[in-house]
Structures are given as C-alpha cells and as structure tokens.
PDB file of N, CA and C in Angstrom:
ATOM      1  N   UNK A   1      14.448  -9.839   5.899  1.00  0.00           N
ATOM      2  CA  UNK A   1      14.480  -9.566   4.426  1.00  0.00           C
ATOM      3  C   UNK A   1      13.127 -10.281   3.840  1.00  0.00           C
ATOM      4  N   UNK A   2      12.810 -11.419   4.231  1.00  0.00           N
ATOM      5  CA  UNK A   2      11.786 -12.109   3.598  1.00  0.00           C
ATOM      6  C   UNK A   2      10.418 -11.444   4.131  1.00  0.00           C
ATOM      7  N   UNK A   3      10.388 -11.009   5.338  1.00  0.00           N
ATOM      8  CA  UNK A   3       9.280 -10.354   5.967  1.00  0.00           C
ATOM      9  C   UNK A   3       8.852  -9.099   5.098  1.00  0.00           C
ATOM     10  N   UNK A   4      10.179  -8.403   4.751  1.00  0.00           N
ATOM     11  CA  UNK A   4       9.922  -7.031   4.084  1.00  0.00           C
ATOM     12  C   UNK A   4       9.396  -7.328   2.758  1.00  0.00           C
ATOM     13  N   UNK A   5       9.752  -8.351   2.126  1.00  0.00           N
ATOM     14  CA  UNK A   5       9.185  -8.778   0.803  1.00  0.00           C
ATOM     15  C   UNK A   5       7.710  -9.015   0.922  1.00  0.00           C
ATOM     16  N   UNK A   6       7.473  -9.847   1.988  1.00  0.00           N
ATOM     17  CA  UNK A   6       6.087 -10.173   2.173  1.00  0.00           C
ATOM     18  C   UNK A   6       5.048  -8.819   2.353  1.00  0.00           C
ATOM     19  N   UNK A   7       5.592  -8.026   3.101  1.00  0.00           N
ATOM     20  CA  UNK A   7       4.941  -6.921   3.512  1.00  0.00           C
ATOM     21  C   UNK A   7       4.791  -6.085   2.135  1.00  0.00           C
ATOM     22  N   UNK A   8       5.731  -5.919   1.331  1.00  0.00           N
ATOM     23  CA  UNK A   8       5.774  -5.139   0.036  1.00  0.00           C
ATOM     24  C   UNK A   8       4.625  -5.896  -0.924  1.00  0.00           C
ATOM     25  N   UNK A   9       4.524  -7.123  -0.988  1.00  0.00           N
ATOM     26  CA  UNK A   9       3.681  -7.837  -1.764  1.00  0.00           C
ATOM     27  C   UNK A   9       2.170  -7.624  -1.315  1.00  0.00           C
ATOM     28  N   UNK A  10       2.027  -7.599  -0.013  1.00  0.00           N
ATOM     29  CA  UNK A  10       0.743  -7.279   0.467  1.00  0.00           C
ATOM     30  C   UNK A  10       0.190  -5.804   0.244  1.00  0.00           C
ATOM     31  N   UNK A  11       1.128  -5.103   0.443  1.00  0.00           N
ATOM     32  CA  UNK A  11       0.790  -3.514   0.306  1.00  0.00           C
ATOM     33  C   UNK A  11       0.426  -3.382  -1.193  1.00  0.00           C
ATOM     34  N   UNK A  12       1.484  -3.924  -2.171  1.00  0.00           N
ATOM     35  CA  UNK A  12       1.233  -3.778  -3.367  1.00  0.00           C
ATOM     36  C   UNK A  12      -0.237  -4.367  -3.998  1.00  0.00           C
ATOM     37  N   UNK A  13      -0.531  -5.389  -3.491  1.00  0.00           N
ATOM     38  CA  UNK A  13      -1.806  -6.104  -3.854  1.00  0.00           C
ATOM     39  C   UNK A  13      -2.995  -5.247  -3.317  1.00  0.00           C
ATOM     40  N   UNK A  14      -2.846  -4.672  -2.156  1.00  0.00           N
ATOM     41  CA  UNK A  14      -3.929  -3.630  -1.512  1.00  0.00           C
ATOM     42  C   UNK A  14      -4.175  -2.528  -2.356  1.00  0.00           C
ATOM     43  N   UNK A  15      -2.947  -1.954  -2.751  1.00  0.00           N
ATOM     44  CA  UNK A  15      -3.110  -0.623  -3.571  1.00  0.00           C
ATOM     45  C   UNK A  15      -3.591  -1.087  -4.989  1.00  0.00           C
ATOM     46  N   UNK A  16      -3.323  -2.107  -5.420  1.00  0.00           N
ATOM     47  CA  UNK A  16      -3.895  -2.470  -6.737  1.00  0.00           C
ATOM     48  C   UNK A  16      -5.202  -2.846  -6.781  1.00  0.00           C
ATOM     49  N   UNK A  17      -5.831  -3.090  -5.627  1.00  0.00           N
ATOM     50  CA  UNK A  17      -7.061  -3.517  -5.407  1.00  0.00           C
ATOM     51  C   UNK A  17      -7.429  -5.052  -5.441  1.00  0.00           C
ATOM     52  N   UNK A  18      -6.161  -5.787  -5.408  1.00  0.00           N
ATOM     53  CA  UNK A  18      -6.388  -7.162  -5.527  1.00  0.00           C
ATOM     54  C   UNK A  18      -6.591  -7.912  -4.286  1.00  0.00           C
ATOM     55  N   UNK A  19      -6.520  -7.183  -3.102  1.00  0.00           N
ATOM     56  CA  UNK A  19      -6.703  -7.514  -1.809  1.00  0.00           C
ATOM     57  C   UNK A  19      -7.461  -6.631  -0.869  1.00  0.00           C
ATOM     58  N   UNK A  20      -8.378  -7.138  -0.196  1.00  0.00           N
ATOM     59  CA  UNK A  20      -9.466  -6.384   0.569  1.00  0.00           C
ATOM     60  C   UNK A  20      -8.439  -5.518   1.556  1.00  0.00           C
ATOM     61  N   UNK A  21      -8.939  -4.311   1.905  1.00  0.00           N
ATOM     62  CA  UNK A  21      -8.052  -3.570   2.861  1.00  0.00           C
ATOM     63  C   UNK A  21      -8.143  -4.198   4.209  1.00  0.00           C
ATOM     64  N   UNK A  22      -9.121  -4.718   4.668  1.00  0.00           N
ATOM     65  CA  UNK A  22      -9.148  -5.325   5.992  1.00  0.00           C
ATOM     66  C   UNK A  22      -8.270  -6.605   6.030  1.00  0.00           C
ATOM     67  N   UNK A  23      -8.133  -7.243   4.994  1.00  0.00           N
ATOM     68  CA  UNK A  23      -7.197  -8.357   4.846  1.00  0.00           C
ATOM     69  C   UNK A  23      -5.766  -7.972   4.895  1.00  0.00           C
ATOM     70  N   UNK A  24      -5.534  -6.865   4.190  1.00  0.00           N
ATOM     71  CA  UNK A  24      -4.218  -6.355   4.271  1.00  0.00           C
ATOM     72  C   UNK A  24      -3.651  -5.980   5.602  1.00  0.00           C
ATOM     73  N   UNK A  25      -4.626  -5.261   6.317  1.00  0.00           N
ATOM     74  CA  UNK A  25      -4.372  -4.911   7.649  1.00  0.00           C
ATOM     75  C   UNK A  25      -4.093  -6.100   8.573  1.00  0.00           C
ATOM     76  N   UNK A  26      -4.917  -7.076   8.336  1.00  0.00           N
ATOM     77  CA  UNK A  26      -4.701  -8.282   9.346  1.00  0.00           C
ATOM     78  C   UNK A  26      -3.333  -8.811   9.011  1.00  0.00           C
ATOM     79  N   UNK A  27      -2.971  -8.758   7.714  1.00  0.00           N
ATOM     80  CA  UNK A  27      -1.570  -9.429   7.379  1.00  0.00           C
ATOM     81  C   UNK A  27      -0.345  -8.558   7.827  1.00  0.00           C
ATOM     82  N   UNK A  28      -0.397  -7.356   7.627  1.00  0.00           N
ATOM     83  CA  UNK A  28       0.739  -6.376   7.908  1.00  0.00           C
ATOM     84  C   UNK A  28       0.621  -5.157   8.846  1.00  0.00           C
ATOM     85  N   UNK A  29      -0.636  -5.143   9.263  1.00  0.00           N
ATOM     86  CA  UNK A  29      -0.879  -3.958  10.365  1.00  0.00           C
ATOM     87  C   UNK A  29      -1.472  -2.702   9.755  1.00  0.00           C
ATOM     88  N   UNK A  30      -2.374  -1.976  10.444  1.00  0.00           N
ATOM     89  CA  UNK A  30      -2.933  -0.820  10.023  1.00  0.00           C
ATOM     90  C   UNK A  30      -2.116   0.292   9.774  1.00  0.00           C
ATOM     91  N   UNK A  31      -1.152   0.472  10.390  1.00  0.00           N
ATOM     92  CA  UNK A  31      -0.124   1.560  10.387  1.00  0.00           C
ATOM     93  C   UNK A  31       0.603   1.457   8.953  1.00  0.00           C
ATOM     94  N   UNK A  32       0.867   0.229   8.704  1.00  0.00           N
ATOM     95  CA  UNK A  32       1.770   0.201   7.515  1.00  0.00           C
ATOM     96  C   UNK A  32       0.684   0.237   6.037  1.00  0.00           C
ATOM     97  N   UNK A  33      -0.535  -0.348   6.205  1.00  0.00           N
ATOM     98  CA  UNK A  33      -1.460  -0.122   4.948  1.00  0.00           C
ATOM     99  C   UNK A  33      -1.724   1.366   4.976  1.00  0.00           C
ATOM    100  N   UNK A  34      -2.147   2.104   5.976  1.00  0.00           N
ATOM    101  CA  UNK A  34      -2.531   3.333   5.962  1.00  0.00           C
ATOM    102  C   UNK A  34      -1.431   4.317   5.343  1.00  0.00           C
ATOM    103  N   UNK A  35      -0.168   3.972   5.941  1.00  0.00           N
ATOM    104  CA  UNK A  35       1.157   4.685   5.266  1.00  0.00           C
ATOM    105  C   UNK A  35       1.257   4.344   3.840  1.00  0.00           C
ATOM    106  N   UNK A  36       1.202   3.249   3.250  1.00  0.00           N
ATOM    107  CA  UNK A  36       1.317   2.959   1.948  1.00  0.00           C
ATOM    108  C   UNK A  36       0.211   3.795   1.074  1.00  0.00           C
ATOM    109  N   UNK A  37      -0.989   3.711   1.620  1.00  0.00           N
ATOM    110  CA  UNK A  37      -2.332   4.381   0.913  1.00  0.00           C
ATOM    111  C   UNK A  37      -1.901   5.809   0.963  1.00  0.00           C
ATOM    112  N   UNK A  38      -1.278   6.382   1.945  1.00  0.00           N
ATOM    113  CA  UNK A  38      -1.009   7.862   1.895  1.00  0.00           C
ATOM    114  C   UNK A  38       0.033   8.169   0.956  1.00  0.00           C
ATOM    115  N   UNK A  39       1.011   7.324   0.948  1.00  0.00           N
ATOM    116  CA  UNK A  39       2.213   7.524  -0.020  1.00  0.00           C
ATOM    117  C   UNK A  39       1.687   7.452  -1.437  1.00  0.00           C
ATOM    118  N   UNK A  40       0.752   6.569  -1.849  1.00  0.00           N
ATOM    119  CA  UNK A  40       0.275   6.292  -3.047  1.00  0.00           C
ATOM    120  C   UNK A  40      -0.643   7.397  -3.402  1.00  0.00           C
ATOM    121  N   UNK A  41      -1.315   8.097  -2.557  1.00  0.00           N
ATOM    122  CA  UNK A  41      -1.971   9.262  -2.941  1.00  0.00           C
ATOM    123  C   UNK A  41      -1.079  10.529  -3.229  1.00  0.00           C
ATOM    124  N   UNK A  42      -0.156  10.559  -2.391  1.00  0.00           N
ATOM    125  CA  UNK A  42       0.948  11.692  -2.797  1.00  0.00           C
ATOM    126  C   UNK A  42       1.524  11.323  -4.037  1.00  0.00           C
ATOM    127  N   UNK A  43       1.894  10.335  -4.464  1.00  0.00           N
ATOM    128  CA  UNK A  43       2.383   9.884  -5.717  1.00  0.00           C
ATOM    129  C   UNK A  43       1.551  10.310  -6.927  1.00  0.00           C
ATOM    130  N   UNK A  44       0.226   9.811  -6.814  1.00  0.00           N
ATOM    131  CA  UNK A  44      -0.770  10.204  -7.847  1.00  0.00           C
ATOM    132  C   UNK A  44      -0.732  11.694  -7.907  1.00  0.00           C
ATOM    133  N   UNK A  45      -0.836  12.441  -6.822  1.00  0.00           N
ATOM    134  CA  UNK A  45      -1.033  13.670  -6.997  1.00  0.00           C
ATOM    135  C   UNK A  45       0.127  14.342  -7.660  1.00  0.00           C
ATOM    136  N   UNK A  46       1.333  14.018  -7.410  1.00  0.00           N
ATOM    137  CA  UNK A  46       2.612  14.419  -8.038  1.00  0.00           C
ATOM    138  C   UNK A  46       2.550  14.122  -9.662  1.00  0.00           C
ATOM    139  N   UNK A  47       1.969  13.038  -9.945  1.00  0.00           N
ATOM    140  CA  UNK A  47       1.806  12.784 -11.521  1.00  0.00           C
ATOM    141  C   UNK A  47       0.851  13.742 -12.165  1.00  0.00           C
ATOM    142  N   UNK A  48      -0.370  13.848 -11.442  1.00  0.00           N
ATOM    143  CA  UNK A  48      -1.335  14.979 -11.996  1.00  0.00           C
ATOM    144  C   UNK A  48      -0.749  16.344 -12.202  1.00  0.00           C
ATOM    145  N   UNK A  49      -0.157  16.707 -11.011  1.00  0.00           N
ATOM    146  CA  UNK A  49       0.430  18.208 -11.071  1.00  0.00           C
ATOM    147  C   UNK A  49       1.685  18.339 -12.195  1.00  0.00           C
ATOM    148  N   UNK A  50       2.471  17.178 -12.565  1.00  0.00           N
ATOM    149  CA  UNK A  50       3.431  17.229 -13.456  1.00  0.00           C
ATOM    150  C   UNK A  50       3.059  17.008 -14.879  1.00  0.00           C
ATOM    151  N   UNK A  51       1.582  16.606 -14.991  1.00  0.00           N
ATOM    152  CA  UNK A  51       1.013  16.257 -16.420  1.00  0.00           C
ATOM    153  C   UNK A  51       0.962  17.551 -17.207  1.00  0.00           C
TER     154      UNK A  51
END
C-alpha cells in the first residue's frame, strides 16, 4: 500500500513537470512512467473532444 502511494506520487510529479522523466523512471520504472504518460494523453484528448 505504501509502495502504491509512492508510485502515484512520483507519477503525478512527473506528469505535472515537477520531476524529470529520467528520475521518475529510476524511481518507479519505465513501464509505469510510460503507461501513466499514455493514460494522461488519452485523458487530455477526451477533455478536448468533450469541450
């Protein structure tokens, strides 16, 4: 549970631009960072389409 919170924090900081992508990858792994970024792009695309 604590590990999940840590990963969510790292991914949120990466998506917000508060943390360098490479640093996020070092902390939680490339797969999780790339997955979160892909999900973020899909979310933004839905917002634009619904506007």
